[in-house]
Each structure stands twice: as structure tokens, then as C-alpha cells.
Amino acid sequence: MTHYICLLSAACISDSVMLSDANAKLISIPTAFLDTFDATLELVTATAIASNQYGRRGAEEEGAYRRRGNCSALDTDTKEIGMSCAYHLSNHPEKFDVTVIEAANYCGGQAFSIPLDKQKHGASWLNQGVQGGSYIFHHTMTMFACQGYAANPVKLQVSFGKDNRFWTNVYPTKLLERHQSEVKRFYRMLSFLRWFELIFALLPIKYLMKLFWFSYEFANTVALPMVALFLGTGNYTPDVPTIILERLCTSPTYGMWYPADKESIASNMPPMIVFPNFSNFYEDWRKDLVKRGVNIRLSTEVTQILSRDKNGVVVKTIKRTPMPDNHNATSAWATEDPVMNADADAKETTEHYDEIVICCLADTAKRLLGRTASLRERQVLGSAKFSDDITITHHDSSYMRKHYENFFNPSQAVNSLSGVDHFSRVKFARDNFRPMYYIKPYDADLTKLEMCFDCTNYQAQFPPEVDFDNHVFQTIYLNKQRDGHLWTDDEIDESKIIRKDWWHQLCHSWTHYAFVVPWMWLLQGRRHTRFASSWTMINAHEVAVMSGIAAAVDLGAQYPEDLERDGFALLSFRLYYLLIYGRWYRRKVKKEDRMGEGHEWASGLYGSVYKGPGVIEKEREMWREERAKEERSS
């Protein structure tokens, strides 16, 4: 029997939605858990930087399928979530007839690329919204490999604060010297939390800092930026649960700051990956899905779900008007953005499917369900919190010099901490300090912050040496409604702004892990409905991809055999599937076949470091490859 499945986009992205001029889109990232559960919780953390890098954001999708010999599937999104779901369903053409519906006029959601002036900036494109991730992103990198793409490695350097409130993971500074007693207490606290993490797991970080008597300056200039960096939690970082901070420092698999340093808290440069050209990747993936029989309908939006009963799912859709840049403005049907009113005169059409996979943000999902939403769905989906943020992509180096530490600062460097020599780190930093990620606490309120990327230092398509005045930056201003009065976006030179993108961003508050994540299993598979997105756990690209695969598996698709042989990937998927669907995935690969393709991909501690196809070992290989192509063509 073929099931007709439709995957709908609903103009959303996993933990964030692009609004107004940026259009509605989303991105998600998978997450790993803690050692036993590490694999899962770790993925969550490591993923955040990638995503957050977005950041921040995960592609969201909706899908439904209707019976007609095959199961007809509707996927409401062509971001990583919907596309990963559609891809695995398409492996079974005899069982599923898959339709993907996307409100934008391109695939990828928040994961897209924008053009740049190569003569000025050294590269012809920039990944926007989603830039990189962690080596624990096993599912993401195999996804790249399937389309002939590969991520590049990078060692992360950060710059937190400015002047006497500046510190970095590259060399010790006077701020850390001034707070040595608190640094040591923080180190001891981590050991204590590791032993009693179940007791403190959901305690908001702001209360943890008070409980252990940390000063206002230390808590907000040292501790909180460590978390905001990786989860894109922004100004909701004080409400992030303690277990995320603790795992960032104590987990050997996904802990970005593992092992914590007794004198400077973080002295390692975490090995990360940066993603390939996302616009090219998702377009190639779209073409591949079409060849596999998937019906992808761009510039189409699901406006509401009319019914979900024994006869399947009935939805209403509209045809969107494509924009020149393919980023369709938010429609009049999407109440999340009251400013835009695009396609208000579009006529709705009714469509029937067997099942639906909803891959948009929780608040959008709740709106689409409308009167069909159960009390349980309204309570769980309604517990997710969101804020409106803006990312300004620019090349205003004067703004960066004013607000951030971009270069080695000899006036803030110290050669030793608590009598321990750190001269070698200072010596290295003199010539090699190239920060990629910045955080600036506002002087008026240190609990609120601004985030920024130096994309030239971070992304692999840029040359290793570019004049700082030509660097490309992304400055992120958080929570417009509550904290907009603190923003300094008006100080950026308008003539140097490349692009502005508004995001409807998930807030990783402790309430998300008390009232949303633990109860998702009660919603999955009921009334022909499944939910897939990074918000189901944590805002990371890996989680987004895994959520799409999980929805496909729950519908009857097969989990990839090569990933099943990858011990870490399998553990991450099993834990996600157990937590979000309430089911334990049973191996399908026979014991005698477990040494086939994929078994060698998991390396490092607990197999967390991915060494399979889809990632290379040399930094900035993208730049070298593009330069080689230009030389051959000339």
C-alpha cells in the first residue's frame, strides 16, 4: 500500500523563523546526549555553535501522507528537517508518495548563501544563518557526502567582552587574573555538579551563580557567554538549565570547553567544522529528491489544517508569489509577523493526505493545527518561548573596533595565573589571535548581550589573509521587544550593510526542558501527526536532521545501515527517538554485517569524532579548491 505523504514548509525554520524582509524560515541542529546519555546531551551542546551559528536555527517541516495504494506524505518544508525526512521516505517508493511543500522559492530555509563582492572581500559567497557545527554531527556530514559536498575543519577562537572585561580561550587576560578565586571556585563547582547533576539539572544558571556566590561581573562576563556562544540562547542565557553549562565543561564528547582549566576556565580551541555553500548544496539535494520521485512544491504555503481523523489529514494551501531573491515575504496568513501582508488575496485549495509531519516552529505548528489541536498539543506547543532577533551582515570594521577585541591586546594579556606560567599561550596569540565568535555584554546591563561573527576568520571559502577593513561580520541583536533599547545597531554604517535578517528565535529556557521536550512523545504519531524540528530538543543543525530521519523511521522508513554501523550516530539517534517518540530503535543490521561501511566512521572518545565522508582534514580547503578552479578556467 502506498501512503501519500506531504511535507509542508509553512515558512518556518527549526528554532527560528525569518520574518519580514528575511522571510519566514527555520533551521535545526541535532544534539547528542550525555555519556550514557552523554552522546545525546552533548550533541545538543556542540550543535549549538553550529547552528547557532546559527546558530540558531533549524529548518522546520510539516508532512502529511494519504492512502492511495502508497502512503502519501506531505512535507511542509525544504529545510534540512523536511528534506531529510523526504529523502529517507523516498528510499521506499513502493510505500510512500512524498510531496514537499515550501513557502519560500528555494530549499534550505535559514541555511542559505548570499553573494559577496569577491574583489573586496576575497570570497564570492557567504553562508547566512547557519555556518558550522561540531564533529558530533555525524548525520549532517553523511548528508553532505551523499551530494558530493564536504565540511572543512576549524579551531574555534572566541573574544568575550572588551577592555578590562575582555577574555578569550586563546590567552589569559587581566579579567581572569582579577577573578582567580572565582575561577577556582567555578572549577570546583563543575565537579560538584557532575556528581549531583540530576538535582541541579533544570536550575536556571542565574540562580546557580547566586547559589555559589559568584560576583555579578564574573557571572555575566565569564560564565554566561560560554553558554550563549554555543546555543544562540542570547539574552535568555540566564534561564538556560544548569546541566547545559555543566556539560559544556565536563563532557568528553560534546563539551566545547572540556576539560575545564583551573586557572582560565577555557584554554582549548575546540575543533569545529564549517559548512559548504548551502544554497548549492540544497539545490543539488532538491534535484536529487525530484529524481527519486519526490514532488517538491516551492512557493506554496500550508495555511491551516482542517481535520485529522480516521480518513487522514486535510490541509489548505495557497500559492505564493515568488520574489526575485527567492525569499518570499511573510504571508498574510502567518500571524507570527503582523507587519507583512503578502499574498492576502491568494485563494486556498484543499488537499488530503494520510499523515502529516509538522516541521515548523512550535508556535506556527499550534496556529496551523487551529481547532484540530488537542488540549495536550496546545499545552506542550504553547510552552515554547520565542523572541525576535535581527542579524546584520556588514563590513563596518570601525564598529567592530569600537565594540570588540579583534586583535591581540598586550595591555590586557598576562603571562601567568595563580603562579602558573602561560607565556606560551601569550606568545602564540601575538601572531595567531583571529577571533571568530564575539560576545559583548552591555555596560548598562551585563545580563544582556550582543553576539557577533567574524565570518572571514570563520568560514573556509575566505583566504587566510584578508585586510580587516574588508572582513565580513554578522552582528546579532537579541530580543527586540524586551531589550531593543540597549541595541547599538544604529551605529553600523548603513553604506556597509550587506543584508538584514529578522529571526523568530527559540528561547532555550529551563521551561523548555520542563514543559516541552519531555512531553513530545505524547504528541508523536497521534491523529496522523508527527512533529520534526530542532526545537523538539535543542537548536542545532544535527538535531534538525535527526528529527526528520526519526519522523521517517516512525512512518516506516529504514534507518540508514551505514549510520547504524556508526556507534555514536546510532546512539544519538536512539536516544533522540526514545526521548521524543518514547520508543527504543532496534538494530536492523545483522551482527555478521556490522563491520561494513560506516563502522569506521566513529572515532575519538565514545566514537564522537566523525571520520567518515563529508568532512576533510585540511582547513580552508574550500578556498583552495575555488582558487584552483579559477586558475584552470583562466
Foldseek 3Di string as FASTA:
>chain_A
DALLKQKQQQQFFFFKFWAFPQTGFWAFAAAAACPLSDGGNLHQQQQQLQCLVVVFTHGFIKMFIADDQANRRRNRAQALQSLLLLVLLLVCRSHYQYEYHAQFQAHHTQFAKDADDCVQQVFGIFTGNGWWGALLLQLVLVLQVVLPFFWEKDFAKEWFADDCLIDILLFGWVVLQVCLVVLQLVLVVLVVCVVVVVVQFLPFQLVVCVVSVHDPSCCLRPQQVLRCNRFVLALLSSQFGPVSSSCLDDGQFNNQQPPADSRRRRNGRGMIITGDRRRVSSVSSVVVSVVSNYHYHYSKRWLAWDEFDPNTTKTKMWHHDHDPVRRGHNDLSDVVHPPDHGPVVTDIDMDGRHFMETTRQLVSVPNRHPPVDDPLSCQQSVLWDWFKKKKWKFLQLVVCVVITDQAQDPVTGDQDHPPHGNVVSSVCRNPDNGHAKYKHQQPVGSSGIKIKGQSLCPHLQHDNDHPSSSTIMIIMHIGCVPCVVRDPVVVGDPVGTDDMIMMTGTNNGSSLVVRHQQCLLVVAPPSRYHYAHNSNDGGGNSRRNLSSVLNSVVVPGDDDLLLCLQQSSLSNSQSSCCRNNVDGDDDDDDPVCSPDHNNPQQDDDSSSRGDDHRYDHDGSVNNVVVVVVVVVVD
